[in-house]
């Protein structure tokens, strides 16, 4: 007979966070600042992966800057960041509204966001085509800047656009009004871990399914899920480079992993990358990489040079923000 086990830890003055575990008490150690380090398999919320070769990402719970620097940043290891400060990011409550009893089903807060309807944002439009197995594949892809109002209106009618997808992707917050930037305070682990340099802050908002192909970033990355769900698969630099190189070789060319380049968003390269990362279990290597299943308020640290691909899943809206920093 299994018994529900609860793990309780402090998150602030006179506050505790209580989480149900599966059937085992966490194997943990206390470092000097009492931060819990655990495997994601012990927190079923964070990873649903059962595919061979994709291991769950470990978790840092309420890490101090010192702990984050030691275990994640300097060690170049990915971690899910379970932090009350991230869960309290103002944009989560101000930009989005829960719908009904299902807290994972959210929609944009049109009344609030419409105040900033003229703000220019980066939009990606993918036109789909039906394929033989009854599914859909990208046919045309283009990117442009447009008023936020255009995206908001599309989300209202997205179910009517079965062959058209619009994604507010890699939209720099530098172009947003101050009020919206104020809703996205920069986390302390971004400003104090390294030199304090922030190379870019970007928004990612769309109606699932959304997709970012396998690539690597030019800087360490803190990725925070604001609303909805995303699954991220990560590969160490050498494994990711090998897989990407195999795809390029099969296409008869040598390519660089240009971030969200058009060739990666449609056509044969798109299909091969997606198949290698998402549709195949590991049959060549003992360990392909890691997987994190993110919900509202979860953070994910992606070290410099680590390859990763992202899928937005579920219903409603999915929204994220990331900081590239050093």
Protein backbone atom coordinates (compact mmCIF):
# COMPACT_ATOMS: atom_id res chain seq x y z
CA UNK A 1 0.00 0.00 0.00
CA UNK A 2 1.41 3.38 -1.00
CA UNK A 3 1.21 6.38 1.31
CA UNK A 4 1.18 9.99 0.17
CA UNK A 5 4.39 11.65 1.33
CA UNK A 6 4.66 15.41 1.72
CA UNK A 7 7.80 17.50 1.73
CA UNK A 8 7.73 20.86 3.52
CA UNK A 9 10.32 23.61 3.28
CA UNK A 10 10.54 27.30 4.05
CA UNK A 11 9.96 29.87 1.35
CA UNK A 12 10.05 32.99 3.46
CA UNK A 13 9.25 34.44 6.86
CA UNK A 14 6.46 32.39 8.42
CA UNK A 15 5.77 30.71 5.07
CA UNK A 16 6.16 27.11 3.99
CA UNK A 17 5.58 25.32 0.73
CA UNK A 18 4.09 21.83 0.91
CA UNK A 19 4.37 19.48 -2.07
CA UNK A 20 3.13 15.93 -2.54
CA UNK A 21 5.72 13.42 -3.68
CA UNK A 22 5.13 10.04 -5.28
CA UNK A 23 5.97 7.11 -3.03
CA UNK A 24 9.36 8.05 -1.71
CA UNK A 25 10.82 10.69 0.52
CA UNK A 26 13.31 12.93 -1.23
CA UNK A 27 16.93 11.99 -0.96
CA UNK A 28 18.36 15.40 -0.25
CA UNK A 29 21.24 17.21 1.23
CA UNK A 30 21.38 20.55 2.94
CA UNK A 31 23.99 22.94 1.65
CA UNK A 32 25.00 26.02 3.69
CA UNK A 33 21.98 28.05 2.63
CA UNK A 34 19.49 25.19 3.12
CA UNK A 35 18.57 24.81 -0.54
CA UNK A 36 17.01 21.54 -1.62
CA UNK A 37 18.49 19.79 -4.63
CA UNK A 38 16.37 16.94 -5.99
CA UNK A 39 15.75 14.86 -9.05
CA UNK A 40 12.79 15.84 -11.16
CA UNK A 41 11.49 12.27 -11.17
CA UNK A 42 10.56 12.85 -7.54
CA UNK A 43 8.41 15.84 -8.54
CA UNK A 44 6.09 14.31 -11.17
CA UNK A 45 4.86 17.74 -12.22
CA UNK A 46 8.15 18.60 -13.88
CA UNK A 47 8.74 15.77 -16.32
CA UNK A 48 6.49 13.32 -18.09
CA UNK A 49 9.22 11.77 -20.19
CA UNK A 50 9.26 8.01 -20.55
CA UNK A 51 11.26 7.95 -23.79
CA UNK A 52 14.54 6.10 -23.65
CA UNK A 53 17.46 8.46 -23.44
CA UNK A 54 15.63 11.53 -22.11
CA UNK A 55 16.34 12.01 -18.43
CA UNK A 56 14.47 14.40 -16.10
CA UNK A 57 16.17 17.68 -15.23
CA UNK A 58 17.07 18.09 -11.57
CA UNK A 59 15.55 20.83 -9.45
CA UNK A 60 17.00 23.68 -7.39
CA UNK A 61 14.43 24.75 -4.82
CA UNK A 62 14.60 28.37 -3.63
CA UNK A 63 18.27 28.70 -4.56
CA UNK A 64 20.32 31.59 -3.29
CA UNK A 65 22.58 33.34 -5.78
CA UNK A 66 25.56 31.47 -4.28
CA UNK A 67 23.90 28.08 -4.68
CA UNK A 68 22.73 28.80 -8.22
CA UNK A 69 26.19 30.01 -9.20
CA UNK A 70 27.89 26.90 -7.76
CA UNK A 71 25.52 24.14 -8.86
CA UNK A 72 24.17 25.50 -12.17
CA UNK A 73 26.06 28.45 -13.63
CA UNK A 74 29.68 27.49 -12.93
CA UNK A 75 29.01 23.77 -13.34
CA UNK A 76 27.21 24.29 -16.67
CA UNK A 77 24.34 22.05 -15.60
CA UNK A 78 20.69 22.62 -16.46
CA UNK A 79 18.31 22.94 -13.53
CA UNK A 80 14.63 23.59 -13.03
CA UNK A 81 14.33 26.55 -10.68
CA UNK A 82 11.47 26.20 -8.20
CA UNK A 83 11.25 29.68 -6.73
CA UNK A 84 8.49 31.63 -5.05
CA UNK A 85 9.82 34.86 -6.55
CA UNK A 86 9.42 33.47 -10.08
CA UNK A 87 5.88 32.30 -9.29
CA UNK A 88 5.06 35.85 -8.21
CA UNK A 89 6.18 37.49 -11.48
CA UNK A 90 3.54 40.23 -11.95
CA UNK A 91 2.94 39.40 -15.62
CA UNK A 92 1.52 36.00 -14.66
CA UNK A 93 -1.53 37.54 -13.00
CA UNK A 94 -1.75 40.77 -14.98
CA UNK A 95 -1.33 39.48 -18.54
CA UNK A 96 -3.33 36.24 -18.32
CA UNK A 97 -6.63 34.99 -16.92
CA UNK A 98 -7.47 31.48 -15.72
CA UNK A 99 -10.45 29.92 -17.43
CA UNK A 100 -12.84 27.76 -15.42
CA UNK A 101 -11.78 25.05 -13.01
CA UNK A 102 -8.75 24.03 -15.08
CA UNK A 103 -5.97 26.34 -13.91
CA UNK A 104 -3.78 25.22 -16.82
CA UNK A 105 -6.29 26.70 -19.30
CA UNK A 106 -5.60 30.44 -19.57
CA UNK A 107 -6.29 33.25 -21.99
CA UNK A 108 -4.76 36.69 -22.50
CA UNK A 109 -6.12 39.45 -20.30
CA UNK A 110 -7.42 41.42 -23.26
CA UNK A 111 -8.63 44.34 -21.18
CA UNK A 112 -5.18 44.92 -19.71
CA UNK A 113 -3.04 44.13 -22.76
CA UNK A 114 -5.22 46.16 -25.13
CA UNK A 115 -3.92 49.30 -23.42
CA UNK A 116 -0.66 48.58 -25.25
CA UNK A 117 -2.19 47.56 -28.59
CA UNK A 118 0.10 49.79 -30.66
CA UNK A 119 3.32 48.31 -29.24
CA UNK A 120 5.36 46.60 -31.96
CA UNK A 121 6.17 42.94 -31.39
CA UNK A 122 7.95 40.25 -33.39
CA UNK A 123 5.46 37.79 -34.91
CA UNK A 124 6.05 34.54 -36.74
CA UNK A 125 3.41 33.25 -39.14
CA UNK A 126 3.48 29.66 -40.33
CA UNK A 127 1.16 28.49 -43.10
CA UNK A 128 0.46 24.78 -42.88
CA UNK A 129 -0.43 22.17 -45.45
CA UNK A 130 -2.17 18.83 -45.02
CA UNK A 131 0.03 15.75 -45.47
CA UNK A 132 -0.69 12.12 -46.33
CA UNK A 133 -1.01 10.80 -42.78
CA UNK A 134 -3.71 13.32 -41.96
CA UNK A 135 -1.39 15.66 -40.09
CA UNK A 136 -0.09 19.09 -41.03
CA UNK A 137 3.37 20.35 -41.91
CA UNK A 138 4.81 23.86 -42.38
CA UNK A 139 4.55 25.12 -45.96
CA UNK A 140 5.51 28.78 -45.66
CA UNK A 141 7.09 30.72 -42.83
CA UNK A 142 7.75 34.41 -42.38
CA UNK A 143 8.57 36.83 -39.61
CA UNK A 144 7.62 40.48 -39.23
CA UNK A 145 7.00 43.19 -36.67
CA UNK A 146 3.38 44.16 -36.13
CA UNK A 147 1.20 45.85 -33.50
CA UNK A 148 0.33 43.78 -30.46
CA UNK A 149 -3.34 44.26 -31.38
CA UNK A 150 -2.90 42.01 -34.43
CA UNK A 151 -1.66 39.14 -32.30
CA UNK A 152 -4.36 39.62 -29.66
CA UNK A 153 -7.05 39.52 -32.31
CA UNK A 154 -5.59 36.34 -33.81
CA UNK A 155 -5.67 34.60 -30.43
CA UNK A 156 -9.39 35.36 -30.15
CA UNK A 157 -10.01 33.55 -33.44
CA UNK A 158 -7.16 31.00 -33.48
CA UNK A 159 -9.52 28.04 -33.63
CA UNK A 160 -10.81 29.39 -36.94
CA UNK A 161 -7.32 29.34 -38.47
CA UNK A 162 -6.53 25.64 -38.73
CA UNK A 163 -3.89 26.17 -41.43
CA UNK A 164 -2.35 29.34 -40.02
CA UNK A 165 -0.27 29.66 -36.87
CA UNK A 166 0.85 32.94 -35.32
CA UNK A 167 3.50 33.03 -32.60
CA UNK A 168 4.79 36.06 -30.72
CA UNK A 169 8.35 34.71 -30.69
CA UNK A 170 11.67 36.12 -29.55
CA UNK A 171 9.99 39.49 -29.13
CA UNK A 172 12.46 41.80 -27.43
CA UNK A 173 11.10 43.49 -24.34
CA UNK A 174 13.26 46.50 -25.22
CA UNK A 175 10.49 47.48 -27.63
CA UNK A 176 7.71 47.24 -25.05
CA UNK A 177 6.20 50.09 -23.01
CA UNK A 178 7.68 50.62 -19.55
CA UNK A 179 4.52 49.34 -17.84
CA UNK A 180 4.89 45.93 -19.50
CA UNK A 181 8.59 45.77 -18.72
CA UNK A 182 7.80 46.54 -15.09
CA UNK A 183 5.63 43.40 -15.07
CA UNK A 184 8.77 41.35 -15.83
CA UNK A 185 11.29 42.17 -13.08
CA UNK A 186 14.69 40.65 -13.73
CA UNK A 187 15.37 37.76 -11.32
CA UNK A 188 18.17 38.18 -8.82
CA UNK A 189 20.02 35.11 -10.12
CA UNK A 190 20.27 36.87 -13.50
CA UNK A 191 21.61 40.17 -12.20
CA UNK A 192 23.95 38.86 -9.48
CA UNK A 193 25.31 35.48 -10.60
CA UNK A 194 27.83 36.60 -13.20
CA UNK A 195 28.92 40.00 -14.43
CA UNK A 196 25.39 41.35 -14.31
CA UNK A 197 25.27 41.77 -18.09
CA UNK A 198 21.91 41.07 -19.74
CA UNK A 199 22.22 40.52 -23.48
CA UNK A 200 18.54 40.18 -24.26
CA UNK A 201 15.10 39.63 -22.79
CA UNK A 202 12.50 37.98 -25.01
CA UNK A 203 8.82 37.04 -24.91
CA UNK A 204 7.27 33.87 -26.31
CA UNK A 205 3.45 33.79 -26.39
CA UNK A 206 1.24 31.58 -28.53
CA UNK A 207 -1.56 29.08 -28.81
CA UNK A 208 -0.29 25.48 -28.64
CA UNK A 209 1.16 23.72 -30.41
CA UNK A 210 4.16 26.06 -30.59
CA UNK A 211 7.64 24.93 -31.57
CA UNK A 212 11.25 26.04 -31.42
CA UNK A 213 13.70 23.76 -33.28
CA UNK A 214 16.96 22.37 -31.91
CA UNK A 215 19.52 25.15 -31.48
CA UNK A 216 21.99 26.63 -29.00
CA UNK A 217 22.10 30.14 -27.55
CA UNK A 218 25.01 32.60 -27.55
CA UNK A 219 24.74 33.10 -23.76
CA UNK A 220 23.48 31.32 -20.63
CA UNK A 221 19.70 31.41 -20.53
CA UNK A 222 17.10 31.64 -17.76
CA UNK A 223 13.76 30.59 -19.24
CA UNK A 224 10.62 31.23 -17.15
CA UNK A 225 7.19 29.83 -17.95
CA UNK A 226 4.54 32.48 -17.29
CA UNK A 227 1.42 30.55 -18.21
CA UNK A 228 0.46 27.25 -19.83
CA UNK A 229 2.86 24.38 -20.39
CA UNK A 230 6.04 23.77 -22.33
CA UNK A 231 8.31 20.77 -22.71
CA UNK A 232 12.01 21.44 -23.23
CA UNK A 233 14.50 18.83 -24.40
CA UNK A 234 18.17 19.61 -23.83
CA UNK A 235 21.42 18.06 -25.04
CA UNK A 236 24.99 18.55 -23.89
CA UNK A 237 27.12 20.54 -26.37
CA UNK A 238 28.90 17.52 -27.87
CA UNK A 239 25.73 15.41 -28.24
CA UNK A 240 23.74 18.27 -29.72
CA UNK A 241 26.48 19.14 -32.18
CA UNK A 242 26.71 15.50 -33.26
CA UNK A 243 22.97 15.20 -33.84
CA UNK A 244 22.78 18.52 -35.68
CA UNK A 245 25.78 17.53 -37.80
CA UNK A 246 24.13 14.23 -38.72
CA UNK A 247 21.06 16.09 -39.96
CA UNK A 248 23.18 18.50 -41.99
CA UNK A 249 25.17 15.62 -43.50
CA UNK A 250 21.98 13.84 -44.51
CA UNK A 251 20.98 17.04 -46.33
CA UNK A 252 24.33 17.19 -48.10
CA UNK A 253 25.49 20.42 -46.54
CA UNK A 254 27.38 21.95 -43.65
CA UNK A 255 25.22 24.33 -41.68
CA UNK A 256 25.37 26.52 -38.62
CA UNK A 257 22.59 26.39 -36.04
CA UNK A 258 21.19 29.81 -36.83
CA UNK A 259 18.58 30.56 -34.20
CA UNK A 260 15.09 30.23 -35.69
CA UNK A 261 16.41 30.53 -39.23
CA UNK A 262 13.77 30.04 -41.92
CA UNK A 263 15.37 26.76 -43.04
CA UNK A 264 14.82 25.35 -39.55
CA UNK A 265 11.15 26.32 -39.44
CA UNK A 266 9.91 24.55 -42.55
CA UNK A 267 10.94 21.98 -45.12
CA UNK A 268 13.24 18.99 -44.87
CA UNK A 269 15.58 20.37 -42.21
CA UNK A 270 12.61 21.16 -39.96
CA UNK A 271 11.19 17.67 -40.42
CA UNK A 272 14.49 15.90 -39.77
CA UNK A 273 15.33 17.91 -36.65
CA UNK A 274 11.86 17.39 -35.23
CA UNK A 275 12.01 13.65 -35.91
CA UNK A 276 15.44 13.26 -34.30
CA UNK A 277 14.53 15.18 -31.15
CA UNK A 278 10.85 14.43 -30.64
CA UNK A 279 9.78 11.38 -32.61
CA UNK A 280 12.56 8.91 -31.96
CA UNK A 281 13.81 7.21 -28.83
CA UNK A 282 17.53 6.94 -28.34
CA UNK A 283 18.77 4.02 -30.40
CA UNK A 284 22.34 5.17 -30.91
CA UNK A 285 23.47 6.54 -27.58
CA UNK A 286 22.91 5.52 -23.99
CA UNK A 287 21.69 8.99 -23.13
CA UNK A 288 20.35 11.48 -25.61
CA UNK A 289 19.68 14.31 -23.20
CA UNK A 290 17.32 15.77 -20.64
CA UNK A 291 13.68 16.81 -20.52
CA UNK A 292 11.83 19.41 -18.43
CA UNK A 293 8.06 19.83 -18.30
CA UNK A 294 7.37 23.43 -17.25
CA UNK A 295 4.23 24.98 -15.77
CA UNK A 296 3.35 28.52 -14.72
CA UNK A 297 6.03 30.00 -12.47
CA UNK A 298 8.72 27.41 -13.26
CA UNK A 299 12.19 28.47 -14.33
CA UNK A 300 14.73 26.54 -16.37
CA UNK A 301 18.43 27.34 -16.53
CA UNK A 302 19.98 26.44 -19.89
CA UNK A 303 23.79 26.60 -19.75
CA UNK A 304 25.91 28.18 -22.45
CA UNK A 305 26.31 25.87 -25.43
CA UNK A 306 23.57 23.40 -24.50
CA UNK A 307 21.31 22.48 -27.39
CA UNK A 308 17.58 22.60 -26.80
CA UNK A 309 14.20 22.40 -28.51
CA UNK A 310 10.91 23.63 -27.05
CA UNK A 311 7.28 22.62 -27.53
CA UNK A 312 4.24 24.47 -26.23
CA UNK A 313 1.52 21.99 -25.31
CA UNK A 314 -1.93 21.89 -23.74
CA UNK A 315 -4.92 24.18 -24.19
CA UNK A 316 -5.43 27.91 -23.94
CA UNK A 317 -2.39 30.17 -24.18
CA UNK A 318 1.24 29.49 -23.41
CA UNK A 319 3.61 32.31 -22.49
CA UNK A 320 7.28 32.50 -21.49
CA UNK A 321 10.08 34.99 -20.98
CA UNK A 322 13.81 34.42 -21.14
CA UNK A 323 16.93 36.33 -20.17
CA UNK A 324 20.29 35.83 -21.88
CA UNK A 325 22.96 36.90 -19.41
CA UNK A 326 26.50 36.59 -18.19
